[in-house]
Amino acid sequence: MKNRRFRAVALLSLVIAFSLAGIAVAQQPGIVIPRVGVEIGRAETPQQVSTTLQLLFILTILSLAPAILVMVTSFTRIIVVLGLLRQALGTQQMPPNQVLIGLALFLTFFVMSPTYNELNEKALRPYLQKSINHEEAFERGVVPIREFMFRQTREKDLGLFVHLSKIPAPRTPDDVPTHVLIPAFMISELKTAFQIGFVIFIPFLIIDMVIASALMSMGMLMLPPIFISLPFKIILFVLADGWYLVVGSLVRSFS
């Protein structure tokens, strides 16, 4: 009962303190508190309707931005390889997820920069200058992204989804719908990422096998091999300049 009363008094005190602070700030003449409101009313001009639809479209794109980033960029391959690298090292949560995701994002921006520059020149900038409409901007903007995905997609994977979608056999890349290209691109990226991860695993697997064999020969069966092999794997990775090799190989794999 005492704990409950103490918590109730503490909560009431915090509420009163925040209320008094808000009143004190509001009474100061030099501080302006903004007011944010959302109104729904009748549009008087077609421009108001167009602005509302554009705002709704932008909010929708922002909500789907993470999925779009994963689906149509190099992010999938990079983050899978970095995750497999951490697992091969056996460092558990080091580097942490935030570091790996941040590194994967900046590497994605680096790899995709030529595509983004082309998209900006051909679609975004003319649209902002009002020289083309949004439909033409979308058609122009999707072209460099499709070209990037076509370069990284295997013909076998593309053929699988063309067969599953039951569309006529395409004669040119333009005949392949985007909704067919995207899943083919993603499974191609996953396959490439696992191939790179397999190569990364080999030297660390050899170290684990050597350490485990040495411990068994010395009769140290109760000592986990991971405790002994982890420092050797880390020092090998550092001496070989592993981050340089892994990141360089990842970026070159998109060329």
C-alpha atoms as a PDB file:
ATOM      1  CA  MET A   1       0.000   0.000   0.000  1.00  0.00           C
ATOM      2  CA  LYS A   2       2.835   2.384   0.806  1.00  0.00           C
ATOM      3  CA  ASN A   3       4.433   1.735  -2.580  1.00  0.00           C
ATOM      4  CA  ARG A   4       1.157   2.400  -4.362  1.00  0.00           C
ATOM      5  CA  ARG A   5       0.603   5.640  -2.453  1.00  0.00           C
ATOM      6  CA  PHE A   6       4.172   6.722  -3.178  1.00  0.00           C
ATOM      7  CA  ARG A   7       3.759   6.038  -6.904  1.00  0.00           C
ATOM      8  CA  ALA A   8       0.433   7.878  -7.004  1.00  0.00           C
ATOM      9  CA  VAL A   9       1.891  10.904  -5.220  1.00  0.00           C
ATOM     10  CA  ALA A  10       4.942  10.904  -7.519  1.00  0.00           C
ATOM     11  CA  LEU A  11       2.752  10.708 -10.644  1.00  0.00           C
ATOM     12  CA  LEU A  12       0.501  13.504  -9.401  1.00  0.00           C
ATOM     13  CA  SER A  13       3.549  15.630  -8.627  1.00  0.00           C
ATOM     14  CA  LEU A  14       4.923  15.135 -12.146  1.00  0.00           C
ATOM     15  CA  VAL A  15       1.601  16.124 -13.704  1.00  0.00           C
ATOM     16  CA  ILE A  16       1.397  19.256 -11.575  1.00  0.00           C
ATOM     17  CA  ALA A  17       5.036  20.144 -12.344  1.00  0.00           C
ATOM     18  CA  PHE A  18       4.558  19.799 -16.118  1.00  0.00           C
ATOM     19  CA  SER A  19       1.339  21.836 -15.948  1.00  0.00           C
ATOM     20  CA  LEU A  20       3.015  24.651 -14.017  1.00  0.00           C
ATOM     21  CA  ALA A  21       5.979  24.591 -16.414  1.00  0.00           C
ATOM     22  CA  GLY A  22       3.645  24.869 -19.406  1.00  0.00           C
ATOM     23  CA  ILE A  23       1.810  27.795 -17.833  1.00  0.00           C
ATOM     24  CA  ALA A  24       5.095  29.523 -16.978  1.00  0.00           C
ATOM     25  CA  VAL A  25       6.420  29.147 -20.507  1.00  0.00           C
ATOM     26  CA  ALA A  26       3.180  30.348 -22.031  1.00  0.00           C
ATOM     27  CA  GLN A  27       3.249  33.502 -19.884  1.00  0.00           C
ATOM     28  CA  GLN A  28       6.719  34.510 -21.068  1.00  0.00           C
ATOM     29  CA  PRO A  29       6.405  37.072 -23.898  1.00  0.00           C
ATOM     30  CA  GLY A  30       9.569  36.042 -25.733  1.00  0.00           C
ATOM     31  CA  ILE A  31       8.576  32.425 -26.321  1.00  0.00           C
ATOM     32  CA  VAL A  32       6.150  31.552 -29.091  1.00  0.00           C
ATOM     33  CA  ILE A  33       4.404  28.199 -28.826  1.00  0.00           C
ATOM     34  CA  PRO A  34       3.318  26.900 -32.252  1.00  0.00           C
ATOM     35  CA  ARG A  35      -0.133  25.483 -32.820  1.00  0.00           C
ATOM     36  CA  VAL A  36      -0.576  22.589 -35.234  1.00  0.00           C
ATOM     37  CA  GLY A  37      -4.020  21.821 -36.599  1.00  0.00           C
ATOM     38  CA  VAL A  38      -5.594  19.616 -39.232  1.00  0.00           C
ATOM     39  CA  GLU A  39      -8.750  20.806 -40.956  1.00  0.00           C
ATOM     40  CA  ILE A  40     -11.148  19.055 -43.326  1.00  0.00           C
ATOM     41  CA  GLY A  41     -13.296  21.322 -45.431  1.00  0.00           C
ATOM     42  CA  ARG A  42     -14.621  21.977 -48.895  1.00  0.00           C
ATOM     43  CA  ALA A  43     -12.063  22.780 -51.584  1.00  0.00           C
ATOM     44  CA  GLU A  44     -12.713  26.068 -53.329  1.00  0.00           C
ATOM     45  CA  THR A  45     -10.333  25.624 -56.293  1.00  0.00           C
ATOM     46  CA  PRO A  46      -8.892  22.645 -58.227  1.00  0.00           C
ATOM     47  CA  GLN A  47      -5.427  23.632 -57.009  1.00  0.00           C
ATOM     48  CA  GLN A  48      -6.445  22.873 -53.429  1.00  0.00           C
ATOM     49  CA  VAL A  49      -7.580  19.393 -54.439  1.00  0.00           C
ATOM     50  CA  SER A  50      -4.311  18.816 -56.285  1.00  0.00           C
ATOM     51  CA  THR A  51      -2.270  19.923 -53.269  1.00  0.00           C
ATOM     52  CA  THR A  52      -4.214  17.602 -50.978  1.00  0.00           C
ATOM     53  CA  LEU A  53      -3.692  14.628 -53.286  1.00  0.00           C
ATOM     54  CA  GLN A  54       0.012  15.393 -53.569  1.00  0.00           C
ATOM     55  CA  LEU A  55       0.309  15.524 -49.764  1.00  0.00           C
ATOM     56  CA  LEU A  56      -1.512  12.202 -49.462  1.00  0.00           C
ATOM     57  CA  PHE A  57       0.765  10.675 -52.107  1.00  0.00           C
ATOM     58  CA  ILE A  58       3.897  11.920 -50.314  1.00  0.00           C
ATOM     59  CA  LEU A  59       2.725  10.504 -46.974  1.00  0.00           C
ATOM     60  CA  THR A  60       2.029   7.160 -48.637  1.00  0.00           C
ATOM     61  CA  ILE A  61       5.484   7.085 -50.218  1.00  0.00           C
ATOM     62  CA  LEU A  62       7.114   7.922 -46.875  1.00  0.00           C
ATOM     63  CA  SER A  63       5.289   5.057 -45.159  1.00  0.00           C
ATOM     64  CA  LEU A  64       6.477   2.648 -47.869  1.00  0.00           C
ATOM     65  CA  ALA A  65       9.998   4.075 -48.078  1.00  0.00           C
ATOM     66  CA  PRO A  66      11.691   1.329 -45.989  1.00  0.00           C
ATOM     67  CA  ALA A  67      10.130  -1.424 -48.102  1.00  0.00           C
ATOM     68  CA  ILE A  68      11.066   0.382 -51.328  1.00  0.00           C
ATOM     69  CA  LEU A  69      14.634   0.833 -50.087  1.00  0.00           C
ATOM     70  CA  VAL A  70      14.916  -2.902 -49.406  1.00  0.00           C
ATOM     71  CA  MET A  71      13.204  -4.060 -52.600  1.00  0.00           C
ATOM     72  CA  VAL A  72      14.777  -2.036 -55.393  1.00  0.00           C
ATOM     73  CA  THR A  73      18.251  -1.120 -54.131  1.00  0.00           C
ATOM     74  CA  SER A  74      21.480  -2.807 -53.112  1.00  0.00           C
ATOM     75  CA  PHE A  75      20.517  -2.737 -49.423  1.00  0.00           C
ATOM     76  CA  THR A  76      19.400  -6.392 -49.326  1.00  0.00           C
ATOM     77  CA  ARG A  77      22.721  -7.833 -50.471  1.00  0.00           C
ATOM     78  CA  ILE A  78      24.776  -5.539 -48.256  1.00  0.00           C
ATOM     79  CA  ILE A  79      22.889  -6.101 -44.995  1.00  0.00           C
ATOM     80  CA  VAL A  80      22.743  -9.897 -45.492  1.00  0.00           C
ATOM     81  CA  VAL A  81      26.503 -10.089 -46.101  1.00  0.00           C
ATOM     82  CA  LEU A  82      27.248  -7.922 -43.069  1.00  0.00           C
ATOM     83  CA  GLY A  83      24.966 -10.076 -40.926  1.00  0.00           C
ATOM     84  CA  LEU A  84      26.672 -13.265 -42.108  1.00  0.00           C
ATOM     85  CA  LEU A  85      30.065 -11.674 -41.438  1.00  0.00           C
ATOM     86  CA  ARG A  86      29.115 -10.959 -37.843  1.00  0.00           C
ATOM     87  CA  GLN A  87      27.842 -14.494 -37.425  1.00  0.00           C
ATOM     88  CA  ALA A  88      31.047 -15.918 -38.902  1.00  0.00           C
ATOM     89  CA  LEU A  89      33.129 -13.888 -36.474  1.00  0.00           C
ATOM     90  CA  GLY A  90      30.988 -15.141 -33.592  1.00  0.00           C
ATOM     91  CA  THR A  91      30.952 -11.754 -31.871  1.00  0.00           C
ATOM     92  CA  GLN A  92      27.231 -12.021 -31.011  1.00  0.00           C
ATOM     93  CA  GLN A  93      25.921  -8.430 -31.128  1.00  0.00           C
ATOM     94  CA  MET A  94      29.180  -6.707 -32.069  1.00  0.00           C
ATOM     95  CA  PRO A  95      28.984  -4.586 -34.153  1.00  0.00           C
ATOM     96  CA  PRO A  96      25.434  -3.758 -32.981  1.00  0.00           C
ATOM     97  CA  ASN A  97      22.480  -3.741 -35.353  1.00  0.00           C
ATOM     98  CA  GLN A  98      22.396   0.058 -35.527  1.00  0.00           C
ATOM     99  CA  VAL A  99      25.983   0.167 -36.761  1.00  0.00           C
ATOM    100  CA  LEU A 100      25.433  -2.533 -39.382  1.00  0.00           C
ATOM    101  CA  ILE A 101      22.223  -0.927 -40.660  1.00  0.00           C
ATOM    102  CA  GLY A 102      23.864   2.494 -40.774  1.00  0.00           C
ATOM    103  CA  LEU A 103      26.849   1.132 -42.690  1.00  0.00           C
ATOM    104  CA  ALA A 104      24.510  -0.717 -45.061  1.00  0.00           C
ATOM    105  CA  LEU A 105      22.493   2.459 -45.674  1.00  0.00           C
ATOM    106  CA  PHE A 106      25.523   4.593 -46.507  1.00  0.00           C
ATOM    107  CA  LEU A 107      26.960   1.868 -48.737  1.00  0.00           C
ATOM    108  CA  THR A 108      23.568   1.687 -50.459  1.00  0.00           C
ATOM    109  CA  PHE A 109      23.623   5.434 -51.090  1.00  0.00           C
ATOM    110  CA  PHE A 110      27.168   5.118 -52.429  1.00  0.00           C
ATOM    111  CA  VAL A 111      26.325   2.242 -54.786  1.00  0.00           C
ATOM    112  CA  MET A 112      23.045   3.780 -55.937  1.00  0.00           C
ATOM    113  CA  SER A 113      24.366   7.332 -56.398  1.00  0.00           C
ATOM    114  CA  PRO A 114      24.746   7.066 -60.217  1.00  0.00           C
ATOM    115  CA  THR A 115      21.185   5.757 -60.441  1.00  0.00           C
ATOM    116  CA  TYR A 116      19.884   8.499 -58.151  1.00  0.00           C
ATOM    117  CA  ASN A 117      21.729  11.185 -60.110  1.00  0.00           C
ATOM    118  CA  GLU A 118      20.184   9.961 -63.353  1.00  0.00           C
ATOM    119  CA  LEU A 119      16.751   9.839 -61.722  1.00  0.00           C
ATOM    120  CA  ASN A 120      17.210  13.392 -60.450  1.00  0.00           C
ATOM    121  CA  GLU A 121      18.295  14.741 -63.823  1.00  0.00           C
ATOM    122  CA  LYS A 122      15.648  13.008 -65.918  1.00  0.00           C
ATOM    123  CA  ALA A 123      12.623  12.933 -63.627  1.00  0.00           C
ATOM    124  CA  LEU A 124      12.762  14.803 -60.324  1.00  0.00           C
ATOM    125  CA  ARG A 125      14.269  18.101 -61.458  1.00  0.00           C
ATOM    126  CA  PRO A 126      11.995  18.520 -64.528  1.00  0.00           C
ATOM    127  CA  TYR A 127       8.992  17.687 -62.343  1.00  0.00           C
ATOM    128  CA  LEU A 128       9.943  20.290 -59.724  1.00  0.00           C
ATOM    129  CA  GLN A 129      10.433  22.807 -62.531  1.00  0.00           C
ATOM    130  CA  LYS A 130       6.898  21.916 -63.730  1.00  0.00           C
ATOM    131  CA  SER A 131       8.085  21.020 -67.199  1.00  0.00           C
ATOM    132  CA  ILE A 132       6.559  17.507 -66.939  1.00  0.00           C
ATOM    133  CA  ASN A 133       3.620  16.079 -65.004  1.00  0.00           C
ATOM    134  CA  HIS A 134       3.783  13.446 -62.286  1.00  0.00           C
ATOM    135  CA  GLU A 135       2.919  10.567 -64.640  1.00  0.00           C
ATOM    136  CA  GLU A 136       5.761  11.358 -66.998  1.00  0.00           C
ATOM    137  CA  ALA A 137       8.087  11.916 -64.027  1.00  0.00           C
ATOM    138  CA  PHE A 138       7.249   8.446 -62.713  1.00  0.00           C
ATOM    139  CA  GLU A 139       7.825   6.857 -66.128  1.00  0.00           C
ATOM    140  CA  ARG A 140      11.184   8.574 -66.472  1.00  0.00           C
ATOM    141  CA  GLY A 141      12.241   7.894 -62.895  1.00  0.00           C
ATOM    142  CA  VAL A 142      11.577   4.164 -62.993  1.00  0.00           C
ATOM    143  CA  VAL A 143      13.827   3.669 -66.033  1.00  0.00           C
ATOM    144  CA  PRO A 144      17.248   3.989 -64.273  1.00  0.00           C
ATOM    145  CA  ILE A 145      16.011   1.864 -61.356  1.00  0.00           C
ATOM    146  CA  ARG A 146      14.860  -0.873 -63.751  1.00  0.00           C
ATOM    147  CA  GLU A 147      18.216  -0.736 -65.539  1.00  0.00           C
ATOM    148  CA  PHE A 148      20.018  -1.249 -62.229  1.00  0.00           C
ATOM    149  CA  MET A 149      17.789  -4.188 -61.311  1.00  0.00           C
ATOM    150  CA  PHE A 150      18.199  -5.788 -64.732  1.00  0.00           C
ATOM    151  CA  ARG A 151      21.997  -5.677 -64.388  1.00  0.00           C
ATOM    152  CA  GLN A 152      21.838  -7.552 -61.064  1.00  0.00           C
ATOM    153  CA  THR A 153      19.047 -10.020 -61.878  1.00  0.00           C
ATOM    154  CA  ARG A 154      19.805 -13.512 -63.142  1.00  0.00           C
ATOM    155  CA  GLU A 155      18.002 -14.663 -66.253  1.00  0.00           C
ATOM    156  CA  LYS A 156      16.908 -17.854 -64.497  1.00  0.00           C
ATOM    157  CA  ASP A 157      15.250 -15.931 -61.653  1.00  0.00           C
ATOM    158  CA  LEU A 158      13.572 -13.558 -64.070  1.00  0.00           C
ATOM    159  CA  GLY A 159      12.304 -16.488 -66.130  1.00  0.00           C
ATOM    160  CA  LEU A 160      10.809 -18.052 -62.992  1.00  0.00           C
ATOM    161  CA  PHE A 161       8.604 -15.069 -62.226  1.00  0.00           C
ATOM    162  CA  VAL A 162       7.708 -14.548 -65.874  1.00  0.00           C
ATOM    163  CA  HIS A 163       6.491 -18.151 -65.888  1.00  0.00           C
ATOM    164  CA  LEU A 164       4.632 -17.767 -62.571  1.00  0.00           C
ATOM    165  CA  SER A 165       2.930 -14.561 -63.703  1.00  0.00           C
ATOM    166  CA  LYS A 166       1.748 -16.321 -66.910  1.00  0.00           C
ATOM    167  CA  ILE A 167       2.525 -13.364 -69.132  1.00  0.00           C
ATOM    168  CA  PRO A 168       3.718 -13.702 -72.739  1.00  0.00           C
ATOM    169  CA  ALA A 169       7.443 -14.294 -73.102  1.00  0.00           C
ATOM    170  CA  PRO A 170       9.104 -10.861 -73.213  1.00  0.00           C
ATOM    171  CA  ARG A 171      11.278 -10.049 -76.184  1.00  0.00           C
ATOM    172  CA  THR A 172      12.936  -6.934 -74.741  1.00  0.00           C
ATOM    173  CA  PRO A 173      13.526  -5.705 -71.183  1.00  0.00           C
ATOM    174  CA  ASP A 174      10.779  -3.147 -71.685  1.00  0.00           C
ATOM    175  CA  ASP A 175       8.275  -6.001 -71.998  1.00  0.00           C
ATOM    176  CA  VAL A 176       9.008  -7.175 -68.426  1.00  0.00           C
ATOM    177  CA  PRO A 177       6.574  -5.597 -65.925  1.00  0.00           C
ATOM    178  CA  THR A 178       8.082  -3.968 -62.870  1.00  0.00           C
ATOM    179  CA  HIS A 179       6.062  -6.165 -60.491  1.00  0.00           C
ATOM    180  CA  VAL A 180       7.715  -9.198 -62.113  1.00  0.00           C
ATOM    181  CA  LEU A 181      11.203  -7.699 -62.101  1.00  0.00           C
ATOM    182  CA  ILE A 182      11.297  -6.727 -58.409  1.00  0.00           C
ATOM    183  CA  PRO A 183      10.875 -10.227 -56.839  1.00  0.00           C
ATOM    184  CA  ALA A 184      13.304 -11.691 -59.385  1.00  0.00           C
ATOM    185  CA  PHE A 185      15.815  -9.002 -58.433  1.00  0.00           C
ATOM    186  CA  MET A 186      15.358  -9.722 -54.714  1.00  0.00           C
ATOM    187  CA  ILE A 187      15.973 -13.477 -54.908  1.00  0.00           C
ATOM    188  CA  SER A 188      18.990 -12.825 -57.128  1.00  0.00           C
ATOM    189  CA  GLU A 189      20.332 -10.463 -54.486  1.00  0.00           C
ATOM    190  CA  LEU A 190      19.755 -13.055 -51.756  1.00  0.00           C
ATOM    191  CA  LYS A 191      21.573 -15.737 -53.749  1.00  0.00           C
ATOM    192  CA  THR A 192      24.543 -13.466 -54.402  1.00  0.00           C
ATOM    193  CA  ALA A 193      24.655 -12.427 -50.741  1.00  0.00           C
ATOM    194  CA  PHE A 194      24.736 -16.044 -49.553  1.00  0.00           C
ATOM    195  CA  GLN A 195      27.478 -16.873 -52.039  1.00  0.00           C
ATOM    196  CA  ILE A 196      29.616 -14.037 -50.661  1.00  0.00           C
ATOM    197  CA  GLY A 197      28.768 -15.115 -47.111  1.00  0.00           C
ATOM    198  CA  PHE A 198      29.915 -18.676 -47.838  1.00  0.00           C
ATOM    199  CA  VAL A 199      33.319 -17.413 -48.957  1.00  0.00           C
ATOM    200  CA  ILE A 200      33.559 -15.273 -45.805  1.00  0.00           C
ATOM    201  CA  PHE A 201      32.730 -18.232 -43.559  1.00  0.00           C
ATOM    202  CA  ILE A 202      35.530 -20.511 -44.833  1.00  0.00           C
ATOM    203  CA  PRO A 203      38.605 -18.999 -43.051  1.00  0.00           C
ATOM    204  CA  PHE A 204      36.725 -18.609 -39.759  1.00  0.00           C
ATOM    205  CA  LEU A 205      35.440 -22.186 -40.009  1.00  0.00           C
ATOM    206  CA  ILE A 206      39.008 -23.427 -40.450  1.00  0.00           C
ATOM    207  CA  ILE A 207      40.092 -21.572 -37.302  1.00  0.00           C
ATOM    208  CA  ASP A 208      37.200 -23.115 -35.330  1.00  0.00           C
ATOM    209  CA  MET A 209      38.144 -26.601 -36.541  1.00  0.00           C
ATOM    210  CA  VAL A 210      41.822 -26.157 -35.668  1.00  0.00           C
ATOM    211  CA  ILE A 211      41.053 -24.806 -32.190  1.00  0.00           C
ATOM    212  CA  ALA A 212      38.509 -27.558 -31.496  1.00  0.00           C
ATOM    213  CA  SER A 213      40.972 -30.256 -32.607  1.00  0.00           C
ATOM    214  CA  ALA A 214      43.738 -28.776 -30.427  1.00  0.00           C
ATOM    215  CA  LEU A 215      41.493 -28.666 -27.379  1.00  0.00           C
ATOM    216  CA  MET A 216      40.363 -32.269 -27.894  1.00  0.00           C
ATOM    217  CA  SER A 217      43.947 -33.459 -28.264  1.00  0.00           C
ATOM    218  CA  MET A 218      44.833 -31.782 -24.964  1.00  0.00           C
ATOM    219  CA  GLY A 219      41.823 -33.263 -23.232  1.00  0.00           C
ATOM    220  CA  MET A 220      40.134 -29.934 -22.576  1.00  0.00           C
ATOM    221  CA  LEU A 221      36.672 -31.168 -23.488  1.00  0.00           C
ATOM    222  CA  MET A 222      34.847 -28.906 -21.029  1.00  0.00           C
ATOM    223  CA  LEU A 223      36.347 -25.681 -22.421  1.00  0.00           C
ATOM    224  CA  PRO A 224      34.141 -24.173 -25.185  1.00  0.00           C
ATOM    225  CA  PRO A 225      36.221 -23.738 -28.359  1.00  0.00           C
ATOM    226  CA  ILE A 226      34.503 -20.420 -29.123  1.00  0.00           C
ATOM    227  CA  PHE A 227      36.251 -18.781 -26.149  1.00  0.00           C
ATOM    228  CA  ILE A 228      39.652 -19.643 -27.603  1.00  0.00           C
ATOM    229  CA  SER A 229      38.898 -19.200 -31.308  1.00  0.00           C
ATOM    230  CA  LEU A 230      37.185 -15.812 -30.995  1.00  0.00           C
ATOM    231  CA  PRO A 231      40.379 -13.797 -30.297  1.00  0.00           C
ATOM    232  CA  PHE A 232      42.182 -15.577 -33.136  1.00  0.00           C
ATOM    233  CA  LYS A 233      39.341 -14.838 -35.559  1.00  0.00           C
ATOM    234  CA  ILE A 234      39.285 -11.191 -34.564  1.00  0.00           C
ATOM    235  CA  ILE A 235      43.044 -10.763 -34.908  1.00  0.00           C
ATOM    236  CA  LEU A 236      42.987 -12.544 -38.275  1.00  0.00           C
ATOM    237  CA  PHE A 237      40.200 -10.257 -39.465  1.00  0.00           C
ATOM    238  CA  VAL A 238      42.082  -7.171 -38.290  1.00  0.00           C
ATOM    239  CA  LEU A 239      45.448  -8.215 -39.744  1.00  0.00           C
ATOM    240  CA  ALA A 240      43.851  -9.056 -43.086  1.00  0.00           C
ATOM    241  CA  ASP A 241      42.094  -5.652 -43.078  1.00  0.00           C
ATOM    242  CA  GLY A 242      38.774  -7.457 -43.273  1.00  0.00           C
ATOM    243  CA  TRP A 243      36.470  -4.452 -43.464  1.00  0.00           C
ATOM    244  CA  TYR A 244      38.433  -3.107 -46.420  1.00  0.00           C
ATOM    245  CA  LEU A 245      38.188  -6.438 -48.231  1.00  0.00           C
ATOM    246  CA  VAL A 246      34.511  -7.082 -47.452  1.00  0.00           C
ATOM    247  CA  VAL A 247      33.267  -3.591 -48.274  1.00  0.00           C
ATOM    248  CA  GLY A 248      35.431  -3.396 -51.387  1.00  0.00           C
ATOM    249  CA  SER A 249      34.167  -6.749 -52.631  1.00  0.00           C
ATOM    250  CA  LEU A 250      30.564  -5.751 -51.942  1.00  0.00           C
ATOM    251  CA  VAL A 251      30.811  -2.494 -53.873  1.00  0.00           C
ATOM    252  CA  ARG A 252      32.662  -4.124 -56.769  1.00  0.00           C
ATOM    253  CA  SER A 253      30.024  -6.860 -56.996  1.00  0.00           C
ATOM    254  CA  PHE A 254      27.539  -4.246 -58.283  1.00  0.00           C
ATOM    255  CA  SER A 255      29.775  -3.036 -61.100  1.00  0.00           C
END
